[in-house]
Amino acid sequence: MIEKALTSADVEFVTTLHGEEPVSFQVLLQPRGEQADRLLRAIDDVALGELDEAVREGETPEGEDALSVGQRALEVSLAALRASGSGAEGRLIEDHPLDALKSLVEEAGADEVIVLTDPHYVEEFFHRDWASRARHKVGVPVLKLFSHSKA
């Protein structure tokens, strides 16, 4: 699960986690949520000392406007994974991301789940982040990683 386009550092990191063993990825990307998520993102930005980012949260596309941005981020991520020599398929998810993740794990026979995001301190503190919630739902190990840089 990702929330934005993978950077080249992210691709290198996830594709080398298992050494030389061939891997393939099933990527789920959830575009930005609705306005209710904006406050949590702004608090995270402040906690990271990124005050300029907190102020600009209102400029980030959300909801329906985020779908085209999300589709492009997914396409870029899949192309980068494939260029690294890995198999990669993916899709956008809009509703019930953990249900979609659980279904995908079952369909694909996945060995593990990687959740790659920016830090979300408020959600993590209350164990409401994707990785914490997925650990109780998907039935395979869940590895939580932080993106190497802003995309």
N, C-alpha and C. Protein backbone atom coordinates (compact mmCIF):
# COMPACT_ATOMS: atom_id res chain seq x y z
N MET A 1 0.84 -1.17 0.00
CA MET A 1 0.00 0.00 0.00
C MET A 1 0.89 1.23 0.00
N ILE A 2 0.55 2.15 -0.87
CA ILE A 2 1.25 3.42 -0.94
C ILE A 2 0.22 4.54 -0.96
N GLU A 3 0.70 5.75 -0.70
CA GLU A 3 -0.21 6.90 -0.72
C GLU A 3 0.20 7.95 -1.74
N LYS A 4 1.36 7.73 -2.38
CA LYS A 4 1.85 8.65 -3.40
C LYS A 4 2.83 7.89 -4.27
N ALA A 5 3.30 8.53 -5.32
CA ALA A 5 4.25 7.88 -6.23
C ALA A 5 5.51 7.48 -5.49
N LEU A 6 6.01 6.30 -5.83
CA LEU A 6 7.27 5.84 -5.24
C LEU A 6 8.42 6.64 -5.82
N THR A 7 9.37 6.99 -4.98
CA THR A 7 10.59 7.64 -5.45
C THR A 7 11.57 6.56 -5.90
N SER A 8 12.64 6.96 -6.57
CA SER A 8 13.64 5.97 -6.98
C SER A 8 14.27 5.30 -5.76
N ALA A 9 14.45 6.04 -4.67
CA ALA A 9 14.99 5.45 -3.44
C ALA A 9 14.02 4.43 -2.86
N ASP A 10 12.73 4.73 -2.91
CA ASP A 10 11.72 3.78 -2.41
C ASP A 10 11.74 2.50 -3.23
N VAL A 11 11.82 2.63 -4.55
CA VAL A 11 11.83 1.46 -5.43
C VAL A 11 13.05 0.60 -5.14
N GLU A 12 14.20 1.24 -5.03
CA GLU A 12 15.42 0.47 -4.72
C GLU A 12 15.28 -0.23 -3.37
N PHE A 13 14.73 0.45 -2.40
CA PHE A 13 14.59 -0.12 -1.06
C PHE A 13 13.69 -1.35 -1.07
N VAL A 14 12.49 -1.23 -1.65
CA VAL A 14 11.55 -2.37 -1.59
C VAL A 14 11.95 -3.52 -2.50
N THR A 15 12.64 -3.21 -3.59
CA THR A 15 13.03 -4.29 -4.50
C THR A 15 14.25 -5.05 -4.02
N THR A 16 14.97 -4.52 -3.05
CA THR A 16 16.15 -5.21 -2.53
C THR A 16 15.94 -5.80 -1.14
N LEU A 17 14.74 -5.71 -0.61
CA LEU A 17 14.46 -6.25 0.72
C LEU A 17 14.74 -7.74 0.84
N HIS A 18 14.56 -8.47 -0.25
CA HIS A 18 14.73 -9.92 -0.22
C HIS A 18 15.96 -10.36 -1.01
N GLY A 19 16.96 -9.50 -1.08
CA GLY A 19 18.20 -9.85 -1.77
C GLY A 19 17.97 -10.11 -3.24
N GLU A 20 18.50 -11.21 -3.72
CA GLU A 20 18.41 -11.57 -5.14
C GLU A 20 17.14 -12.35 -5.47
N GLU A 21 16.35 -12.67 -4.48
CA GLU A 21 15.12 -13.43 -4.69
C GLU A 21 14.16 -12.63 -5.59
N PRO A 22 13.61 -13.26 -6.63
CA PRO A 22 12.67 -12.52 -7.50
C PRO A 22 11.39 -12.17 -6.72
N VAL A 23 10.93 -10.96 -6.91
CA VAL A 23 9.71 -10.51 -6.23
C VAL A 23 8.78 -9.86 -7.24
N SER A 24 7.51 -9.88 -6.89
CA SER A 24 6.53 -9.13 -7.67
C SER A 24 5.66 -8.38 -6.70
N PHE A 25 5.09 -7.30 -7.17
CA PHE A 25 4.33 -6.40 -6.31
C PHE A 25 2.91 -6.24 -6.82
N GLN A 26 1.99 -6.23 -5.89
CA GLN A 26 0.60 -5.85 -6.13
C GLN A 26 0.42 -4.54 -5.37
N VAL A 27 0.32 -3.45 -6.09
CA VAL A 27 0.33 -2.12 -5.48
C VAL A 27 -1.08 -1.58 -5.35
N LEU A 28 -1.41 -1.14 -4.16
CA LEU A 28 -2.67 -0.43 -3.92
C LEU A 28 -2.33 1.00 -3.52
N LEU A 29 -2.97 1.95 -4.17
CA LEU A 29 -2.76 3.36 -3.85
C LEU A 29 -4.12 3.97 -3.54
N GLN A 30 -4.20 4.61 -2.40
CA GLN A 30 -5.42 5.32 -2.05
C GLN A 30 -5.17 6.81 -2.19
N PRO A 31 -5.89 7.47 -3.11
CA PRO A 31 -5.72 8.92 -3.25
C PRO A 31 -6.07 9.62 -1.95
N ARG A 32 -5.63 10.85 -1.84
CA ARG A 32 -5.90 11.64 -0.63
C ARG A 32 -7.35 11.55 -0.23
N GLY A 33 -7.59 11.56 1.06
CA GLY A 33 -8.96 11.49 1.58
C GLY A 33 -9.68 12.81 1.45
N GLU A 34 -10.77 12.88 2.11
CA GLU A 34 -11.57 14.10 2.09
C GLU A 34 -11.01 15.11 3.09
N GLN A 35 -11.67 16.23 3.25
CA GLN A 35 -11.19 17.33 4.06
C GLN A 35 -10.92 16.94 5.51
N ALA A 36 -11.60 15.94 6.03
CA ALA A 36 -11.40 15.54 7.42
C ALA A 36 -9.96 15.12 7.68
N ASP A 37 -9.29 14.59 6.67
CA ASP A 37 -7.90 14.15 6.83
C ASP A 37 -6.92 15.33 6.82
N ARG A 38 -7.35 16.46 6.34
CA ARG A 38 -6.46 17.62 6.20
C ARG A 38 -5.87 18.05 7.53
N LEU A 39 -6.67 18.07 8.59
CA LEU A 39 -6.18 18.48 9.91
C LEU A 39 -5.08 17.53 10.39
N LEU A 40 -5.29 16.22 10.25
CA LEU A 40 -4.27 15.26 10.67
C LEU A 40 -2.97 15.45 9.88
N ARG A 41 -3.08 15.70 8.59
CA ARG A 41 -1.87 15.92 7.78
C ARG A 41 -1.15 17.18 8.20
N ALA A 42 -1.91 18.24 8.51
CA ALA A 42 -1.29 19.49 8.95
C ALA A 42 -0.58 19.30 10.29
N ILE A 43 -1.18 18.55 11.20
CA ILE A 43 -0.54 18.28 12.49
C ILE A 43 0.75 17.49 12.28
N ASP A 44 0.72 16.51 11.39
CA ASP A 44 1.93 15.75 11.07
C ASP A 44 3.02 16.67 10.52
N ASP A 45 2.64 17.58 9.62
CA ASP A 45 3.61 18.51 9.06
C ASP A 45 4.24 19.37 10.15
N VAL A 46 3.43 19.86 11.08
CA VAL A 46 3.94 20.67 12.19
C VAL A 46 4.88 19.84 13.05
N ALA A 47 4.50 18.59 13.34
CA ALA A 47 5.34 17.72 14.16
C ALA A 47 6.68 17.46 13.50
N LEU A 48 6.72 17.44 12.18
CA LEU A 48 7.97 17.23 11.44
C LEU A 48 8.74 18.52 11.22
N GLY A 49 8.20 19.64 11.71
CA GLY A 49 8.87 20.92 11.53
C GLY A 49 8.70 21.50 10.15
N GLU A 50 7.71 21.01 9.41
CA GLU A 50 7.48 21.45 8.04
C GLU A 50 6.28 22.40 8.02
N LEU A 51 6.49 23.58 8.59
CA LEU A 51 5.39 24.54 8.72
C LEU A 51 4.85 24.99 7.37
N ASP A 52 5.74 25.15 6.39
CA ASP A 52 5.29 25.56 5.05
C ASP A 52 4.33 24.53 4.46
N GLU A 53 4.63 23.24 4.69
CA GLU A 53 3.75 22.17 4.20
C GLU A 53 2.39 22.23 4.90
N ALA A 54 2.39 22.50 6.19
CA ALA A 54 1.13 22.57 6.94
C ALA A 54 0.24 23.67 6.38
N VAL A 55 0.84 24.79 6.03
CA VAL A 55 0.07 25.91 5.47
C VAL A 55 -0.49 25.56 4.10
N ARG A 56 0.26 24.77 3.31
CA ARG A 56 -0.17 24.44 1.94
C ARG A 56 -1.10 23.23 1.86
N GLU A 57 -1.47 22.63 2.97
CA GLU A 57 -2.37 21.46 2.92
C GLU A 57 -3.65 21.75 2.16
N GLY A 58 -4.14 22.97 2.23
CA GLY A 58 -5.37 23.32 1.53
C GLY A 58 -5.24 23.33 0.02
N GLU A 59 -4.02 23.35 -0.50
CA GLU A 59 -3.78 23.37 -1.94
C GLU A 59 -3.72 21.98 -2.55
N THR A 60 -3.65 20.95 -1.72
CA THR A 60 -3.50 19.57 -2.20
C THR A 60 -4.85 19.04 -2.68
N PRO A 61 -4.90 18.49 -3.91
CA PRO A 61 -6.17 17.94 -4.40
C PRO A 61 -6.68 16.82 -3.49
N GLU A 62 -7.98 16.79 -3.28
CA GLU A 62 -8.59 15.76 -2.44
C GLU A 62 -9.82 15.21 -3.13
N GLY A 63 -10.31 14.09 -2.61
CA GLY A 63 -11.53 13.49 -3.10
C GLY A 63 -11.47 13.22 -4.59
N GLU A 64 -12.48 13.64 -5.33
CA GLU A 64 -12.57 13.40 -6.78
C GLU A 64 -11.38 14.01 -7.52
N ASP A 65 -10.93 15.20 -7.09
CA ASP A 65 -9.80 15.85 -7.77
C ASP A 65 -8.51 15.06 -7.61
N ALA A 66 -8.42 14.26 -6.56
CA ALA A 66 -7.19 13.49 -6.31
C ALA A 66 -7.12 12.22 -7.15
N LEU A 67 -8.23 11.80 -7.76
CA LEU A 67 -8.22 10.55 -8.52
C LEU A 67 -7.24 10.58 -9.69
N SER A 68 -7.23 11.64 -10.48
CA SER A 68 -6.31 11.68 -11.62
C SER A 68 -4.87 11.78 -11.15
N VAL A 69 -4.62 12.51 -10.08
CA VAL A 69 -3.28 12.59 -9.50
C VAL A 69 -2.87 11.21 -8.99
N GLY A 70 -3.78 10.52 -8.34
CA GLY A 70 -3.52 9.17 -7.83
C GLY A 70 -3.24 8.18 -8.95
N GLN A 71 -3.98 8.28 -10.04
CA GLN A 71 -3.78 7.37 -11.17
C GLN A 71 -2.39 7.57 -11.77
N ARG A 72 -1.98 8.82 -11.92
CA ARG A 72 -0.64 9.10 -12.44
C ARG A 72 0.43 8.57 -11.48
N ALA A 73 0.24 8.76 -10.19
CA ALA A 73 1.20 8.28 -9.19
C ALA A 73 1.31 6.76 -9.25
N LEU A 74 0.19 6.09 -9.43
CA LEU A 74 0.19 4.63 -9.54
C LEU A 74 0.94 4.19 -10.79
N GLU A 75 0.66 4.82 -11.92
CA GLU A 75 1.33 4.45 -13.18
C GLU A 75 2.83 4.65 -13.09
N VAL A 76 3.27 5.76 -12.50
CA VAL A 76 4.70 6.03 -12.33
C VAL A 76 5.34 4.97 -11.45
N SER A 77 4.67 4.61 -10.38
CA SER A 77 5.19 3.63 -9.43
C SER A 77 5.31 2.25 -10.08
N LEU A 78 4.28 1.84 -10.81
CA LEU A 78 4.32 0.54 -11.47
C LEU A 78 5.43 0.49 -12.52
N ALA A 79 5.58 1.56 -13.29
CA ALA A 79 6.63 1.61 -14.30
C ALA A 79 8.01 1.52 -13.65
N ALA A 80 8.20 2.19 -12.54
CA ALA A 80 9.50 2.16 -11.86
C ALA A 80 9.80 0.77 -11.30
N LEU A 81 8.80 0.11 -10.74
CA LEU A 81 9.01 -1.24 -10.23
C LEU A 81 9.35 -2.20 -11.36
N ARG A 82 8.64 -2.08 -12.48
CA ARG A 82 8.90 -2.95 -13.63
C ARG A 82 10.29 -2.69 -14.21
N ALA A 83 10.69 -1.42 -14.25
CA ALA A 83 12.01 -1.07 -14.78
C ALA A 83 13.12 -1.65 -13.92
N SER A 84 12.83 -1.91 -12.66
CA SER A 84 13.83 -2.50 -11.76
C SER A 84 13.94 -4.01 -11.95
N GLY A 85 13.05 -4.57 -12.78
CA GLY A 85 13.07 -6.00 -13.03
C GLY A 85 12.03 -6.78 -12.24
N SER A 86 11.20 -6.10 -11.49
CA SER A 86 10.16 -6.76 -10.70
C SER A 86 8.85 -6.77 -11.46
N GLY A 87 8.02 -7.75 -11.17
CA GLY A 87 6.66 -7.74 -11.68
C GLY A 87 5.85 -6.75 -10.86
N ALA A 88 4.92 -6.07 -11.49
CA ALA A 88 4.12 -5.09 -10.75
C ALA A 88 2.77 -4.88 -11.42
N GLU A 89 1.73 -5.02 -10.65
CA GLU A 89 0.36 -4.71 -11.04
C GLU A 89 -0.20 -3.83 -9.95
N GLY A 90 -1.24 -3.09 -10.24
CA GLY A 90 -1.79 -2.24 -9.20
C GLY A 90 -3.12 -1.64 -9.56
N ARG A 91 -3.70 -1.02 -8.55
CA ARG A 91 -4.98 -0.34 -8.76
C ARG A 91 -5.20 0.71 -7.67
N LEU A 92 -6.05 1.68 -8.01
CA LEU A 92 -6.47 2.67 -7.03
C LEU A 92 -7.56 2.06 -6.17
N ILE A 93 -7.59 2.46 -4.93
CA ILE A 93 -8.69 2.06 -4.05
C ILE A 93 -9.27 3.33 -3.44
N GLU A 94 -10.57 3.40 -3.43
CA GLU A 94 -11.22 4.59 -2.91
C GLU A 94 -11.91 4.32 -1.58
N ASP A 95 -12.58 3.19 -1.48
CA ASP A 95 -13.34 2.88 -0.27
C ASP A 95 -12.79 1.63 0.39
N HIS A 96 -12.83 1.61 1.69
CA HIS A 96 -12.48 0.42 2.47
C HIS A 96 -11.11 -0.15 2.07
N PRO A 97 -10.04 0.62 2.25
CA PRO A 97 -8.72 0.16 1.80
C PRO A 97 -8.25 -1.14 2.47
N LEU A 98 -8.59 -1.34 3.72
CA LEU A 98 -8.14 -2.56 4.39
C LEU A 98 -8.90 -3.78 3.90
N ASP A 99 -10.16 -3.62 3.55
CA ASP A 99 -10.90 -4.73 2.95
C ASP A 99 -10.30 -5.09 1.59
N ALA A 100 -9.95 -4.05 0.81
CA ALA A 100 -9.33 -4.30 -0.50
C ALA A 100 -7.97 -4.98 -0.32
N LEU A 101 -7.23 -4.57 0.69
CA LEU A 101 -5.92 -5.17 0.95
C LEU A 101 -6.07 -6.63 1.35
N LYS A 102 -7.02 -6.91 2.22
CA LYS A 102 -7.24 -8.29 2.66
C LYS A 102 -7.63 -9.17 1.47
N SER A 103 -8.52 -8.69 0.63
CA SER A 103 -8.93 -9.45 -0.55
C SER A 103 -7.76 -9.70 -1.49
N LEU A 104 -6.94 -8.68 -1.70
CA LEU A 104 -5.80 -8.82 -2.59
C LEU A 104 -4.78 -9.82 -2.04
N VAL A 105 -4.54 -9.79 -0.74
CA VAL A 105 -3.61 -10.74 -0.11
C VAL A 105 -4.10 -12.17 -0.36
N GLU A 106 -5.40 -12.37 -0.20
CA GLU A 106 -5.97 -13.70 -0.42
C GLU A 106 -5.90 -14.11 -1.89
N GLU A 107 -6.28 -13.20 -2.80
CA GLU A 107 -6.28 -13.49 -4.24
C GLU A 107 -4.88 -13.79 -4.76
N ALA A 108 -3.91 -13.00 -4.33
CA ALA A 108 -2.56 -13.11 -4.86
C ALA A 108 -1.72 -14.13 -4.10
N GLY A 109 -2.20 -14.59 -2.95
CA GLY A 109 -1.40 -15.49 -2.13
C GLY A 109 -0.14 -14.79 -1.64
N ALA A 110 -0.27 -13.53 -1.25
CA ALA A 110 0.88 -12.72 -0.84
C ALA A 110 1.55 -13.28 0.41
N ASP A 111 2.87 -13.15 0.44
CA ASP A 111 3.65 -13.58 1.59
C ASP A 111 3.74 -12.51 2.66
N GLU A 112 3.67 -11.24 2.25
CA GLU A 112 3.75 -10.14 3.19
C GLU A 112 3.12 -8.90 2.59
N VAL A 113 2.87 -7.93 3.44
CA VAL A 113 2.35 -6.63 3.02
C VAL A 113 3.38 -5.59 3.41
N ILE A 114 3.65 -4.68 2.48
CA ILE A 114 4.50 -3.53 2.77
C ILE A 114 3.61 -2.30 2.71
N VAL A 115 3.61 -1.52 3.78
CA VAL A 115 2.91 -0.25 3.81
C VAL A 115 3.99 0.82 3.79
N LEU A 116 4.03 1.61 2.72
CA LEU A 116 5.07 2.62 2.52
C LEU A 116 4.41 4.00 2.50
N THR A 117 4.65 4.78 3.53
CA THR A 117 4.00 6.09 3.65
C THR A 117 4.97 7.10 4.25
N ASP A 118 4.55 8.34 4.25
CA ASP A 118 5.22 9.35 5.05
C ASP A 118 4.81 9.10 6.50
N PRO A 119 5.56 9.63 7.46
CA PRO A 119 5.12 9.47 8.86
C PRO A 119 3.78 10.17 9.10
N HIS A 120 2.93 9.53 9.86
CA HIS A 120 1.64 10.10 10.26
C HIS A 120 1.53 9.93 11.77
N TYR A 121 2.16 10.85 12.48
CA TYR A 121 2.34 10.68 13.92
C TYR A 121 1.04 10.56 14.71
N VAL A 122 0.05 11.36 14.38
CA VAL A 122 -1.21 11.31 15.13
C VAL A 122 -1.87 9.94 14.95
N GLU A 123 -1.99 9.49 13.71
CA GLU A 123 -2.61 8.19 13.45
C GLU A 123 -1.78 7.05 14.05
N GLU A 124 -0.46 7.15 13.96
CA GLU A 124 0.39 6.10 14.51
C GLU A 124 0.28 6.04 16.03
N PHE A 125 0.21 7.18 16.67
CA PHE A 125 0.11 7.21 18.13
C PHE A 125 -1.13 6.46 18.60
N PHE A 126 -2.22 6.63 17.87
CA PHE A 126 -3.47 5.96 18.24
C PHE A 126 -3.66 4.63 17.52
N HIS A 127 -2.62 4.16 16.83
CA HIS A 127 -2.66 2.90 16.09
C HIS A 127 -3.80 2.86 15.08
N ARG A 128 -4.03 3.99 14.41
CA ARG A 128 -5.08 4.10 13.40
C ARG A 128 -4.48 4.18 12.00
N ASP A 129 -3.15 4.05 11.89
CA ASP A 129 -2.50 4.08 10.59
C ASP A 129 -2.75 2.75 9.87
N TRP A 130 -2.51 2.73 8.57
CA TRP A 130 -2.79 1.54 7.76
C TRP A 130 -2.06 0.31 8.27
N ALA A 131 -0.79 0.46 8.57
CA ALA A 131 0.00 -0.71 8.98
C ALA A 131 -0.53 -1.31 10.27
N SER A 132 -0.82 -0.49 11.25
CA SER A 132 -1.33 -1.01 12.53
C SER A 132 -2.66 -1.72 12.35
N ARG A 133 -3.54 -1.14 11.57
CA ARG A 133 -4.84 -1.76 11.35
C ARG A 133 -4.73 -3.01 10.47
N ALA A 134 -3.83 -2.99 9.49
CA ALA A 134 -3.67 -4.14 8.59
C ALA A 134 -3.15 -5.36 9.35
N ARG A 135 -2.31 -5.16 10.35
CA ARG A 135 -1.75 -6.28 11.11
C ARG A 135 -2.84 -7.15 11.73
N HIS A 136 -3.98 -6.56 12.01
CA HIS A 136 -5.08 -7.30 12.62
C HIS A 136 -6.05 -7.86 11.61
N LYS A 137 -5.79 -7.61 10.32
CA LYS A 137 -6.80 -7.96 9.33
C LYS A 137 -6.33 -8.89 8.22
N VAL A 138 -5.07 -8.81 7.79
CA VAL A 138 -4.68 -9.46 6.54
C VAL A 138 -4.14 -10.88 6.67
N GLY A 139 -3.68 -11.28 7.83
CA GLY A 139 -3.23 -12.65 8.02
C GLY A 139 -1.82 -12.97 7.54
N VAL A 140 -1.05 -11.97 7.14
CA VAL A 140 0.36 -12.15 6.78
C VAL A 140 1.15 -11.04 7.47
N PRO A 141 2.48 -11.19 7.55
CA PRO A 141 3.27 -10.12 8.17
C PRO A 141 3.10 -8.79 7.44
N VAL A 142 3.09 -7.71 8.21
CA VAL A 142 2.95 -6.37 7.66
C VAL A 142 4.21 -5.58 8.02
N LEU A 143 4.91 -5.11 7.00
CA LEU A 143 6.12 -4.33 7.18
C LEU A 143 5.79 -2.86 6.92
N LYS A 144 6.06 -2.02 7.89
CA LYS A 144 5.78 -0.60 7.75
C LYS A 144 7.09 0.13 7.44
N LEU A 145 7.12 0.83 6.32
CA LEU A 145 8.29 1.60 5.90
C LEU A 145 7.90 3.04 5.65
N PHE A 146 8.87 3.92 5.88
CA PHE A 146 8.63 5.32 5.59
C PHE A 146 9.31 5.68 4.27
N SER A 147 8.60 6.48 3.47
CA SER A 147 9.12 6.93 2.20
C SER A 147 10.44 7.66 2.42
N HIS A 148 11.37 7.50 1.48
CA HIS A 148 12.69 8.09 1.63
C HIS A 148 12.71 9.59 1.38
N SER A 149 11.81 10.07 0.57
CA SER A 149 11.78 11.50 0.31
C SER A 149 10.41 11.88 -0.22
N LYS A 150 10.17 13.17 -0.23
CA LYS A 150 8.89 13.65 -0.74
C LYS A 150 8.83 13.46 -2.25
N ALA A 151 7.66 13.00 -2.74
CA ALA A 151 7.51 12.83 -4.20
C ALA A 151 6.88 14.06 -4.79
